[in-house]
Amino acid sequence: MGKRGQMKLSFGMIFSIFLIIIFIAFAFFAINKFISTQRTVQYHQFIQDLQGDIDKMWKEQQSSQAVSYSIPSSIKQVCLTRSCGDLGMEFNCYSNSDNIVFNSTRKVFDSAFISHLDIDRTVGGNRRMKCFEVVDGKVDFMLIKTYGVTNVVIASPN
């Protein structure tokens, strides 16, 4: 009879350990999914805020404004380009007409199109793109609208 009791206890312990492992694995999965969702929301919020600030600036006659945006820390650079299609496989181009791309270490973020942007003056000369460094999860720009010019230029803040 003593052996049978030990067998039930062993099975109960093994089953408990198995359940604990499943709960811990599920917790890690849920936390990872939450963090991934947070990065995606932060990325979309950045695009929306940048477009909103450019739209406000575009409606004015002349203005300049320093702006700072929070961005997922896995993004190392925010780059503005004349045509996303010319960049090759280096960046994740959603459409050839997109003018903003991201250099990321972990998750690949899609390119986007920002309207009312003077991309030729922003990039300058015959360069393909102009990149801005992300420092501590923030990217800083200077938005400039010159009198008599239709679109907004994005420049380095310094």
C-alpha atoms as a PDB file:
ATOM      1  CA  MET A   1       0.000   0.000   0.000  1.00  0.00           C
ATOM      2  CA  GLY A   2       2.889   2.390   0.720  1.00  0.00           C
ATOM      3  CA  LYS A   3       4.181   2.084  -2.840  1.00  0.00           C
ATOM      4  CA  ARG A   4       0.857   3.030  -4.345  1.00  0.00           C
ATOM      5  CA  GLY A   5       0.723   6.263  -2.299  1.00  0.00           C
ATOM      6  CA  GLN A   6       4.193   7.210  -3.440  1.00  0.00           C
ATOM      7  CA  MET A   7       3.194   6.695  -7.066  1.00  0.00           C
ATOM      8  CA  LYS A   8       0.211   9.049  -6.773  1.00  0.00           C
ATOM      9  CA  LEU A   9       2.386  11.677  -5.123  1.00  0.00           C
ATOM     10  CA  SER A  10       5.000  11.422  -7.888  1.00  0.00           C
ATOM     11  CA  PHE A  11       2.379  11.784 -10.594  1.00  0.00           C
ATOM     12  CA  GLY A  12       0.866  14.797  -8.787  1.00  0.00           C
ATOM     13  CA  MET A  13       4.270  16.465  -8.478  1.00  0.00           C
ATOM     14  CA  ILE A  14       5.123  15.866 -12.130  1.00  0.00           C
ATOM     15  CA  PHE A  15       1.738  17.192 -13.216  1.00  0.00           C
ATOM     16  CA  SER A  16       2.183  20.304 -11.010  1.00  0.00           C
ATOM     17  CA  ILE A  17       5.626  20.997 -12.463  1.00  0.00           C
ATOM     18  CA  PHE A  18       4.226  20.537 -15.968  1.00  0.00           C
ATOM     19  CA  LEU A  19       1.441  23.072 -15.243  1.00  0.00           C
ATOM     20  CA  ILE A  20       3.927  25.574 -13.792  1.00  0.00           C
ATOM     21  CA  ILE A  21       6.088  25.314 -16.927  1.00  0.00           C
ATOM     22  CA  ILE A  22       3.022  25.871 -19.136  1.00  0.00           C
ATOM     23  CA  PHE A  23       1.959  28.935 -17.103  1.00  0.00           C
ATOM     24  CA  ILE A  24       5.468  30.433 -17.236  1.00  0.00           C
ATOM     25  CA  ALA A  25       5.710  29.830 -21.002  1.00  0.00           C
ATOM     26  CA  PHE A  26       2.314  31.456 -21.520  1.00  0.00           C
ATOM     27  CA  ALA A  27       3.369  34.450 -19.386  1.00  0.00           C
ATOM     28  CA  PHE A  28       6.518  34.951 -21.498  1.00  0.00           C
ATOM     29  CA  PHE A  29       4.461  34.665 -24.680  1.00  0.00           C
ATOM     30  CA  ALA A  30       1.909  37.229 -23.429  1.00  0.00           C
ATOM     31  CA  ILE A  31       4.616  39.696 -22.328  1.00  0.00           C
ATOM     32  CA  ASN A  32       6.419  39.358 -25.667  1.00  0.00           C
ATOM     33  CA  LYS A  33       3.166  39.909 -27.565  1.00  0.00           C
ATOM     34  CA  PHE A  34       2.379  42.982 -25.439  1.00  0.00           C
ATOM     35  CA  ILE A  35       5.808  44.511 -26.088  1.00  0.00           C
ATOM     36  CA  SER A  36       5.510  43.825 -29.820  1.00  0.00           C
ATOM     37  CA  THR A  37       2.093  45.496 -29.880  1.00  0.00           C
ATOM     38  CA  GLN A  38       3.529  48.473 -27.997  1.00  0.00           C
ATOM     39  CA  ARG A  39       6.284  48.883 -30.631  1.00  0.00           C
ATOM     40  CA  THR A  40       3.747  48.753 -33.448  1.00  0.00           C
ATOM     41  CA  VAL A  41       1.506  51.341 -31.784  1.00  0.00           C
ATOM     42  CA  GLN A  42       4.502  53.605 -31.110  1.00  0.00           C
ATOM     43  CA  TYR A  43       5.572  53.323 -34.783  1.00  0.00           C
ATOM     44  CA  HIS A  44       2.093  54.228 -36.066  1.00  0.00           C
ATOM     45  CA  GLN A  45       1.821  57.086 -33.556  1.00  0.00           C
ATOM     46  CA  PHE A  46       5.151  58.477 -34.825  1.00  0.00           C
ATOM     47  CA  ILE A  47       3.932  58.465 -38.455  1.00  0.00           C
ATOM     48  CA  GLN A  48       0.620  60.072 -37.451  1.00  0.00           C
ATOM     49  CA  ASP A  49       2.267  62.770 -35.278  1.00  0.00           C
ATOM     50  CA  LEU A  50       4.871  63.621 -37.932  1.00  0.00           C
ATOM     51  CA  GLN A  51       2.206  63.914 -40.632  1.00  0.00           C
ATOM     52  CA  GLY A  52       0.040  66.066 -38.328  1.00  0.00           C
ATOM     53  CA  ASP A  53       2.923  68.450 -37.554  1.00  0.00           C
ATOM     54  CA  ILE A  54       3.846  68.725 -41.234  1.00  0.00           C
ATOM     55  CA  ASP A  55       0.203  69.390 -42.152  1.00  0.00           C
ATOM     56  CA  LYS A  56       0.009  72.213 -39.576  1.00  0.00           C
ATOM     57  CA  MET A  57       3.267  73.706 -40.837  1.00  0.00           C
ATOM     58  CA  TRP A  58       2.141  73.332 -44.475  1.00  0.00           C
ATOM     59  CA  LYS A  59      -0.915  75.523 -43.828  1.00  0.00           C
ATOM     60  CA  GLU A  60       1.214  78.401 -42.532  1.00  0.00           C
ATOM     61  CA  GLN A  61       3.024  81.011 -44.614  1.00  0.00           C
ATOM     62  CA  GLN A  62       6.399  80.697 -42.937  1.00  0.00           C
ATOM     63  CA  SER A  63       7.519  78.853 -39.836  1.00  0.00           C
ATOM     64  CA  SER A  64      10.143  76.646 -38.251  1.00  0.00           C
ATOM     65  CA  GLN A  65       9.721  74.314 -35.333  1.00  0.00           C
ATOM     66  CA  ALA A  66      11.920  71.817 -33.500  1.00  0.00           C
ATOM     67  CA  VAL A  67      10.084  68.558 -32.865  1.00  0.00           C
ATOM     68  CA  SER A  68      10.948  65.368 -31.008  1.00  0.00           C
ATOM     69  CA  TYR A  69       9.167  62.050 -31.379  1.00  0.00           C
ATOM     70  CA  SER A  70       9.247  58.809 -29.403  1.00  0.00           C
ATOM     71  CA  ILE A  71      10.018  55.853 -31.582  1.00  0.00           C
ATOM     72  CA  PRO A  72      10.622  52.135 -30.922  1.00  0.00           C
ATOM     73  CA  SER A  73      14.128  51.635 -29.563  1.00  0.00           C
ATOM     74  CA  SER A  74      14.844  48.906 -32.123  1.00  0.00           C
ATOM     75  CA  ILE A  75      14.801  51.604 -34.842  1.00  0.00           C
ATOM     76  CA  LYS A  76      18.312  53.015 -35.193  1.00  0.00           C
ATOM     77  CA  GLN A  77      17.695  55.523 -38.015  1.00  0.00           C
ATOM     78  CA  VAL A  78      14.776  57.284 -39.645  1.00  0.00           C
ATOM     79  CA  CYS A  79      15.626  57.959 -43.291  1.00  0.00           C
ATOM     80  CA  LEU A  80      13.928  60.195 -45.854  1.00  0.00           C
ATOM     81  CA  THR A  81      14.290  59.186 -49.477  1.00  0.00           C
ATOM     82  CA  ARG A  82      13.192  60.328 -52.911  1.00  0.00           C
ATOM     83  CA  SER A  83      11.895  56.889 -53.877  1.00  0.00           C
ATOM     84  CA  CYS A  84      11.702  53.828 -51.705  1.00  0.00           C
ATOM     85  CA  GLY A  85      11.890  51.584 -54.753  1.00  0.00           C
ATOM     86  CA  ASP A  86      15.486  52.664 -55.461  1.00  0.00           C
ATOM     87  CA  LEU A  87      16.790  51.364 -52.116  1.00  0.00           C
ATOM     88  CA  GLY A  88      16.727  47.657 -52.906  1.00  0.00           C
ATOM     89  CA  MET A  89      16.338  45.000 -50.223  1.00  0.00           C
ATOM     90  CA  GLU A  90      18.090  47.040 -47.525  1.00  0.00           C
ATOM     91  CA  PHE A  91      14.804  48.550 -46.308  1.00  0.00           C
ATOM     92  CA  ASN A  92      11.260  47.213 -46.110  1.00  0.00           C
ATOM     93  CA  CYS A  93       9.551  49.258 -48.831  1.00  0.00           C
ATOM     94  CA  TYR A  94       5.772  49.002 -48.831  1.00  0.00           C
ATOM     95  CA  SER A  95       5.363  51.160 -51.949  1.00  0.00           C
ATOM     96  CA  ASN A  96       7.784  52.724 -54.446  1.00  0.00           C
ATOM     97  CA  SER A  97       6.318  56.175 -53.724  1.00  0.00           C
ATOM     98  CA  ASP A  98       7.034  55.995 -49.975  1.00  0.00           C
ATOM     99  CA  ASN A  99       9.473  58.638 -48.743  1.00  0.00           C
ATOM    100  CA  ILE A 100      10.288  57.541 -45.175  1.00  0.00           C
ATOM    101  CA  VAL A 101      12.046  54.287 -44.260  1.00  0.00           C
ATOM    102  CA  PHE A 102      13.458  52.800 -41.062  1.00  0.00           C
ATOM    103  CA  ASN A 103      16.774  51.141 -40.289  1.00  0.00           C
ATOM    104  CA  SER A 104      15.853  48.678 -37.560  1.00  0.00           C
ATOM    105  CA  THR A 105      17.689  45.950 -35.659  1.00  0.00           C
ATOM    106  CA  ARG A 106      14.804  43.697 -34.613  1.00  0.00           C
ATOM    107  CA  LYS A 107      11.458  44.166 -36.249  1.00  0.00           C
ATOM    108  CA  VAL A 108      11.140  45.316 -39.810  1.00  0.00           C
ATOM    109  CA  PHE A 109       8.987  48.425 -39.939  1.00  0.00           C
ATOM    110  CA  ASP A 110       7.231  49.263 -43.206  1.00  0.00           C
ATOM    111  CA  SER A 111       8.048  52.400 -45.122  1.00  0.00           C
ATOM    112  CA  ALA A 112       5.447  55.176 -45.261  1.00  0.00           C
ATOM    113  CA  PHE A 113       4.473  58.170 -47.362  1.00  0.00           C
ATOM    114  CA  ILE A 114       4.501  61.628 -45.775  1.00  0.00           C
ATOM    115  CA  SER A 115       2.612  64.221 -47.808  1.00  0.00           C
ATOM    116  CA  HIS A 116       3.437  67.947 -48.117  1.00  0.00           C
ATOM    117  CA  LEU A 117       7.133  67.173 -47.749  1.00  0.00           C
ATOM    118  CA  ASP A 118       9.729  68.857 -49.993  1.00  0.00           C
ATOM    119  CA  ILE A 119      11.822  65.726 -50.382  1.00  0.00           C
ATOM    120  CA  ASP A 120      14.304  67.250 -52.859  1.00  0.00           C
ATOM    121  CA  ARG A 121      15.297  70.051 -50.482  1.00  0.00           C
ATOM    122  CA  THR A 122      15.186  67.721 -47.479  1.00  0.00           C
ATOM    123  CA  VAL A 123      17.516  65.106 -48.972  1.00  0.00           C
ATOM    124  CA  GLY A 124      19.575  67.695 -50.871  1.00  0.00           C
ATOM    125  CA  GLY A 125      21.795  67.430 -53.931  1.00  0.00           C
ATOM    126  CA  ASN A 126      21.950  64.142 -55.749  1.00  0.00           C
ATOM    127  CA  ARG A 127      21.891  61.946 -52.628  1.00  0.00           C
ATOM    128  CA  ARG A 128      19.445  59.063 -52.372  1.00  0.00           C
ATOM    129  CA  MET A 129      18.463  59.617 -48.744  1.00  0.00           C
ATOM    130  CA  LYS A 130      19.011  61.584 -45.564  1.00  0.00           C
ATOM    131  CA  CYS A 131      19.026  59.720 -42.259  1.00  0.00           C
ATOM    132  CA  PHE A 132      18.412  60.923 -38.716  1.00  0.00           C
ATOM    133  CA  GLU A 133      19.816  59.000 -35.742  1.00  0.00           C
ATOM    134  CA  VAL A 134      17.468  57.698 -33.040  1.00  0.00           C
ATOM    135  CA  VAL A 135      18.924  58.366 -29.578  1.00  0.00           C
ATOM    136  CA  ASP A 136      17.347  56.796 -26.483  1.00  0.00           C
ATOM    137  CA  GLY A 137      14.132  56.033 -28.370  1.00  0.00           C
ATOM    138  CA  LYS A 138      13.722  59.606 -29.646  1.00  0.00           C
ATOM    139  CA  VAL A 139      14.307  61.238 -33.011  1.00  0.00           C
ATOM    140  CA  ASP A 140      14.621  65.012 -33.378  1.00  0.00           C
ATOM    141  CA  PHE A 141      13.795  67.085 -36.459  1.00  0.00           C
ATOM    142  CA  MET A 142      13.552  70.719 -37.433  1.00  0.00           C
ATOM    143  CA  LEU A 143      10.465  71.372 -39.579  1.00  0.00           C
ATOM    144  CA  ILE A 144      10.922  74.420 -41.818  1.00  0.00           C
ATOM    145  CA  LYS A 145       8.408  76.173 -44.059  1.00  0.00           C
ATOM    146  CA  THR A 146       9.903  79.030 -46.060  1.00  0.00           C
ATOM    147  CA  TYR A 147       7.800  81.918 -47.371  1.00  0.00           C
ATOM    148  CA  GLY A 148       6.762  81.323 -50.976  1.00  0.00           C
ATOM    149  CA  VAL A 149       7.561  77.596 -50.889  1.00  0.00           C
ATOM    150  CA  THR A 150       4.697  75.132 -50.964  1.00  0.00           C
ATOM    151  CA  ASN A 151       6.037  72.183 -48.958  1.00  0.00           C
ATOM    152  CA  VAL A 152       7.856  71.584 -45.664  1.00  0.00           C
ATOM    153  CA  VAL A 153      11.538  70.682 -45.276  1.00  0.00           C
ATOM    154  CA  ILE A 154      12.820  68.378 -42.567  1.00  0.00           C
ATOM    155  CA  ALA A 155      16.303  69.282 -41.327  1.00  0.00           C
ATOM    156  CA  SER A 156      18.660  68.305 -38.509  1.00  0.00           C
ATOM    157  CA  PRO A 157      17.831  70.166 -35.288  1.00  0.00           C
ATOM    158  CA  ASN A 158      21.352  71.551 -34.827  1.00  0.00           C
END
